[in-house]
Protein backbone atom coordinates (compact mmCIF):
# COMPACT_ATOMS: atom_id res chain seq x y z
CA MET A 1 56.21 21.87 172.03
CA LYS A 2 53.77 23.87 174.15
CA ILE A 3 55.50 26.51 176.24
CA ARG A 4 53.67 27.55 179.37
CA ARG A 5 54.15 31.07 180.61
CA CYS A 6 55.53 31.38 184.12
CA VAL A 7 53.82 34.26 185.90
CA LEU A 8 55.99 34.14 189.01
CA VAL A 9 59.69 33.83 188.27
CA SER A 10 60.13 32.10 191.64
CA VAL A 11 58.14 29.12 190.39
CA CYS A 12 60.11 28.63 187.20
CA ARG A 13 62.81 25.99 187.19
CA GLU A 14 65.10 27.51 184.64
CA THR A 15 65.35 29.58 181.51
CA GLN A 16 66.17 27.78 178.29
CA TYR A 17 66.67 28.94 174.75
CA ASN A 18 64.98 27.40 171.75
CA GLY A 19 67.95 27.81 169.40
CA LYS A 20 66.48 30.90 167.77
CA GLY A 21 67.50 33.25 170.56
CA ILE A 22 64.09 33.16 172.22
CA ALA A 23 64.12 32.46 175.93
CA TYR A 24 61.40 30.60 177.70
CA THR A 25 61.01 29.26 181.20
CA ILE A 26 60.13 25.77 182.37
CA PRO A 27 57.47 25.95 185.06
CA MET A 28 57.79 23.77 188.10
CA THR A 29 55.13 21.11 188.58
CA ALA A 30 52.91 20.20 191.52
CA LYS A 31 55.39 17.46 192.49
CA ASP A 32 58.01 20.16 193.06
CA PHE A 33 55.82 21.70 195.77
CA ILE A 34 53.31 19.09 196.95
CA GLU A 35 53.94 15.63 198.33
CA VAL A 36 51.27 13.01 199.03
CA ASP A 37 52.54 9.92 200.84
CA PRO A 38 50.32 7.51 202.77
CA GLU A 39 53.21 7.06 205.22
CA LYS A 40 53.40 10.80 205.93
CA MET A 41 50.49 12.55 207.66
CA SER A 42 48.15 9.75 206.48
CA GLY A 43 48.36 10.92 202.88
CA THR A 44 47.43 14.54 203.54
CA PRO A 45 49.00 16.78 200.87
CA VAL A 46 52.04 18.47 202.43
CA PHE A 47 54.76 20.80 201.22
CA THR A 48 57.48 18.65 199.67
CA GLY A 49 60.14 17.66 202.19
CA THR A 50 58.07 18.76 205.18
CA ARG A 51 55.21 17.55 207.32
CA VAL A 52 53.31 20.85 206.90
CA PRO A 53 49.88 20.32 205.28
CA ILE A 54 49.08 22.55 202.31
CA ASN A 55 45.75 23.31 204.00
CA HIS A 56 47.59 25.20 206.75
CA LEU A 57 48.64 27.85 204.22
CA LEU A 58 45.05 28.24 203.05
CA ASP A 59 43.79 28.43 206.63
CA TYR A 60 46.29 31.20 207.44
CA LEU A 61 45.33 33.22 204.37
CA LYS A 62 41.61 32.70 205.03
CA ALA A 63 42.10 34.01 208.58
CA GLY A 64 43.72 37.16 207.19
CA ASP A 65 47.30 36.27 208.14
CA SER A 66 50.09 37.23 205.76
CA LEU A 67 52.34 34.86 203.88
CA ASN A 68 55.22 36.13 206.04
CA THR A 69 53.35 35.10 209.19
CA PHE A 70 52.77 31.62 207.78
CA LEU A 71 56.43 31.26 206.81
CA ALA A 72 57.57 32.44 210.25
CA ASP A 73 55.34 29.86 211.93
CA PHE A 74 56.44 27.05 209.57
CA PRO A 75 60.15 27.63 208.86
CA THR A 76 60.53 24.32 206.98
CA VAL A 77 58.34 25.72 204.18
CA THR A 78 60.17 28.02 201.76
CA ARG A 79 58.69 31.13 200.19
CA GLU A 80 59.19 29.47 196.79
CA GLN A 81 57.10 26.48 197.89
CA ALA A 82 54.25 28.62 199.23
CA LEU A 83 54.16 30.86 196.16
CA GLY A 84 54.43 27.81 193.93
CA VAL A 85 51.38 26.20 195.50
CA LEU A 86 49.40 29.42 195.17
CA GLU A 87 50.47 29.78 191.53
CA LEU A 88 49.50 26.18 190.74
CA MET A 89 46.10 26.77 192.33
CA ARG A 90 45.65 29.97 190.32
CA GLU A 91 46.56 28.22 187.06
CA ARG A 92 44.19 25.32 187.76
CA LEU A 93 41.33 27.66 188.63
CA LEU A 94 41.81 29.84 185.56
CA THR A 95 42.24 26.84 183.26
CA GLU A 96 39.05 25.29 184.63
CA TYR A 97 37.08 28.47 183.95
CA GLU A 98 38.60 28.95 180.50
CA THR A 99 37.58 25.39 179.61
CA ALA A 100 34.06 25.96 180.87
CA ALA A 101 33.61 29.15 178.85
């Protein structure tokens, strides 16, 4: 079994033990943070359980706004969801570059 390291504790589902006293964490997946439904926002990726497009977070950060500002403006999005999306993006980017190298 491949165990992925969870960089941000907030995006780990739980800690489990492998029977040898070694703890590991189970990372959350994209489905835990991102929802794509043709019936919701015409299929635009949104934070799970909300109608807030993921792109709004990226637009806020690109404009120099803080994560706290984004969360204040979109109270239906949790800090865990926002950090989870950023962590998933980081992992995908790093994995893509590791594969290319």
